[in-house]
Amino acid sequence: MNRFDYDSNEYTITGICSGAALYGHDGSLWANAGEEGGNLTTYQHPLEQMDGSTQNIEVNEVACAIGAADGNR
């Protein structure tokens, strides 16, 4: 996970891939490996705003994975 620090203008946390999984378009898990277990979910993620406030956004990991496979960034 990367987090941008607006004060230093740098990323303060960097991560690496610790797992992988294969899912069907219906969200069913086909195979997985790694520490995370490969369970894609939907959850609320706090997003830091430029003014210092926080806004929760919904993250649908299955939809994100399908979009990434289609070339969406």
C-alpha atoms as a PDB file:
ATOM      1  CA  MET A   1       0.000   0.000   0.000  1.00  0.00           C
ATOM      2  CA  ASN A   2       1.288   3.427  -0.870  1.00  0.00           C
ATOM      3  CA  ARG A   3       0.277   6.544   1.035  1.00  0.00           C
ATOM      4  CA  PHE A   4       1.110  10.000  -0.230  1.00  0.00           C
ATOM      5  CA  ASP A   5       2.418  12.439   2.393  1.00  0.00           C
ATOM      6  CA  TYR A   6       1.408  15.939   1.279  1.00  0.00           C
ATOM      7  CA  ASP A   7       3.868  17.561   3.691  1.00  0.00           C
ATOM      8  CA  SER A   8       6.957  15.841   2.267  1.00  0.00           C
ATOM      9  CA  ASN A   9       5.498  15.382  -1.242  1.00  0.00           C
ATOM     10  CA  GLU A  10       6.564  11.708  -1.154  1.00  0.00           C
ATOM     11  CA  TYR A  11       5.072   8.264  -0.721  1.00  0.00           C
ATOM     12  CA  THR A  12       5.645   7.197   2.877  1.00  0.00           C
ATOM     13  CA  ILE A  13       4.611   3.546   2.714  1.00  0.00           C
ATOM     14  CA  THR A  14       5.435   1.205  -0.131  1.00  0.00           C
ATOM     15  CA  GLY A  15       4.445  -2.431  -0.450  1.00  0.00           C
ATOM     16  CA  ILE A  16       5.021  -5.466  -2.540  1.00  0.00           C
ATOM     17  CA  CYS A  17       2.731  -8.134  -3.883  1.00  0.00           C
ATOM     18  CA  SER A  18       2.308 -10.852  -1.258  1.00  0.00           C
ATOM     19  CA  GLY A  19      -0.297 -13.019  -2.957  1.00  0.00           C
ATOM     20  CA  ALA A  20      -2.222 -13.772  -6.120  1.00  0.00           C
ATOM     21  CA  ALA A  21      -5.607 -15.205  -7.027  1.00  0.00           C
ATOM     22  CA  LEU A  22      -7.682 -16.160 -10.063  1.00  0.00           C
ATOM     23  CA  TYR A  23     -11.373 -15.235 -10.099  1.00  0.00           C
ATOM     24  CA  GLY A  24     -14.210 -15.806 -12.537  1.00  0.00           C
ATOM     25  CA  HIS A  25     -16.286 -12.907 -13.869  1.00  0.00           C
ATOM     26  CA  ASP A  26     -18.983 -13.896 -11.365  1.00  0.00           C
ATOM     27  CA  GLY A  27     -16.569 -13.329  -8.467  1.00  0.00           C
ATOM     28  CA  SER A  28     -15.961 -17.016  -7.728  1.00  0.00           C
ATOM     29  CA  LEU A  29     -12.451 -17.904  -6.530  1.00  0.00           C
ATOM     30  CA  TRP A  30     -10.650 -20.374  -8.803  1.00  0.00           C
ATOM     31  CA  ALA A  31      -7.158 -20.475  -7.246  1.00  0.00           C
ATOM     32  CA  ASN A  32      -5.047 -18.507  -4.805  1.00  0.00           C
ATOM     33  CA  ALA A  33      -1.573 -18.368  -3.288  1.00  0.00           C
ATOM     34  CA  GLY A  34       0.197 -16.147  -0.808  1.00  0.00           C
ATOM     35  CA  GLU A  35      -0.296 -14.591   2.587  1.00  0.00           C
ATOM     36  CA  GLU A  36      -3.577 -12.796   1.859  1.00  0.00           C
ATOM     37  CA  GLY A  37      -5.587 -15.914   1.027  1.00  0.00           C
ATOM     38  CA  GLY A  38      -7.024 -14.435  -2.152  1.00  0.00           C
ATOM     39  CA  ASN A  39     -10.390 -13.310  -0.786  1.00  0.00           C
ATOM     40  CA  LEU A  40     -11.639 -10.307  -2.748  1.00  0.00           C
ATOM     41  CA  THR A  41     -14.299  -8.298  -0.934  1.00  0.00           C
ATOM     42  CA  THR A  42     -16.241  -5.045  -0.935  1.00  0.00           C
ATOM     43  CA  TYR A  43     -15.361  -2.606   1.833  1.00  0.00           C
ATOM     44  CA  GLN A  44     -15.230   1.063   2.860  1.00  0.00           C
ATOM     45  CA  HIS A  45     -11.781   2.699   2.567  1.00  0.00           C
ATOM     46  CA  PRO A  46     -10.917   6.070   4.147  1.00  0.00           C
ATOM     47  CA  LEU A  47      -9.519   8.422   1.493  1.00  0.00           C
ATOM     48  CA  GLU A  48      -7.504  11.382   2.740  1.00  0.00           C
ATOM     49  CA  GLN A  49      -8.476  14.686   1.105  1.00  0.00           C
ATOM     50  CA  MET A  50      -6.175  17.604   0.331  1.00  0.00           C
ATOM     51  CA  ASP A  51      -7.811  19.662   3.121  1.00  0.00           C
ATOM     52  CA  GLY A  52      -6.993  17.000   5.746  1.00  0.00           C
ATOM     53  CA  SER A  53     -10.510  15.588   5.966  1.00  0.00           C
ATOM     54  CA  THR A  54     -11.319  11.941   5.259  1.00  0.00           C
ATOM     55  CA  GLN A  55     -13.979  10.581   2.902  1.00  0.00           C
ATOM     56  CA  ASN A  56     -14.991   6.901   2.888  1.00  0.00           C
ATOM     57  CA  ILE A  57     -15.249   5.314  -0.542  1.00  0.00           C
ATOM     58  CA  GLU A  58     -16.609   1.876  -1.391  1.00  0.00           C
ATOM     59  CA  VAL A  59     -14.085  -0.495  -2.939  1.00  0.00           C
ATOM     60  CA  ASN A  60     -15.343  -3.538  -4.869  1.00  0.00           C
ATOM     61  CA  GLU A  61     -12.217  -5.646  -5.367  1.00  0.00           C
ATOM     62  CA  VAL A  62     -13.843  -8.063  -7.843  1.00  0.00           C
ATOM     63  CA  ALA A  63     -14.938  -5.166 -10.089  1.00  0.00           C
ATOM     64  CA  CYS A  64     -11.464  -3.599  -9.761  1.00  0.00           C
ATOM     65  CA  ALA A  65      -9.731  -6.835 -10.741  1.00  0.00           C
ATOM     66  CA  ILE A  66     -12.004  -7.297 -13.764  1.00  0.00           C
ATOM     67  CA  GLY A  67     -11.399  -3.676 -14.792  1.00  0.00           C
ATOM     68  CA  ALA A  68      -7.632  -4.103 -14.451  1.00  0.00           C
ATOM     69  CA  ALA A  69      -7.751  -7.224 -16.618  1.00  0.00           C
ATOM     70  CA  ASP A  70      -9.617  -5.175 -19.248  1.00  0.00           C
ATOM     71  CA  GLY A  71      -6.819  -2.570 -19.209  1.00  0.00           C
ATOM     72  CA  ASN A  72      -8.526   0.060 -17.031  1.00  0.00           C
ATOM     73  CA  ARG A  73      -6.277   1.858 -14.581  1.00  0.00           C
END
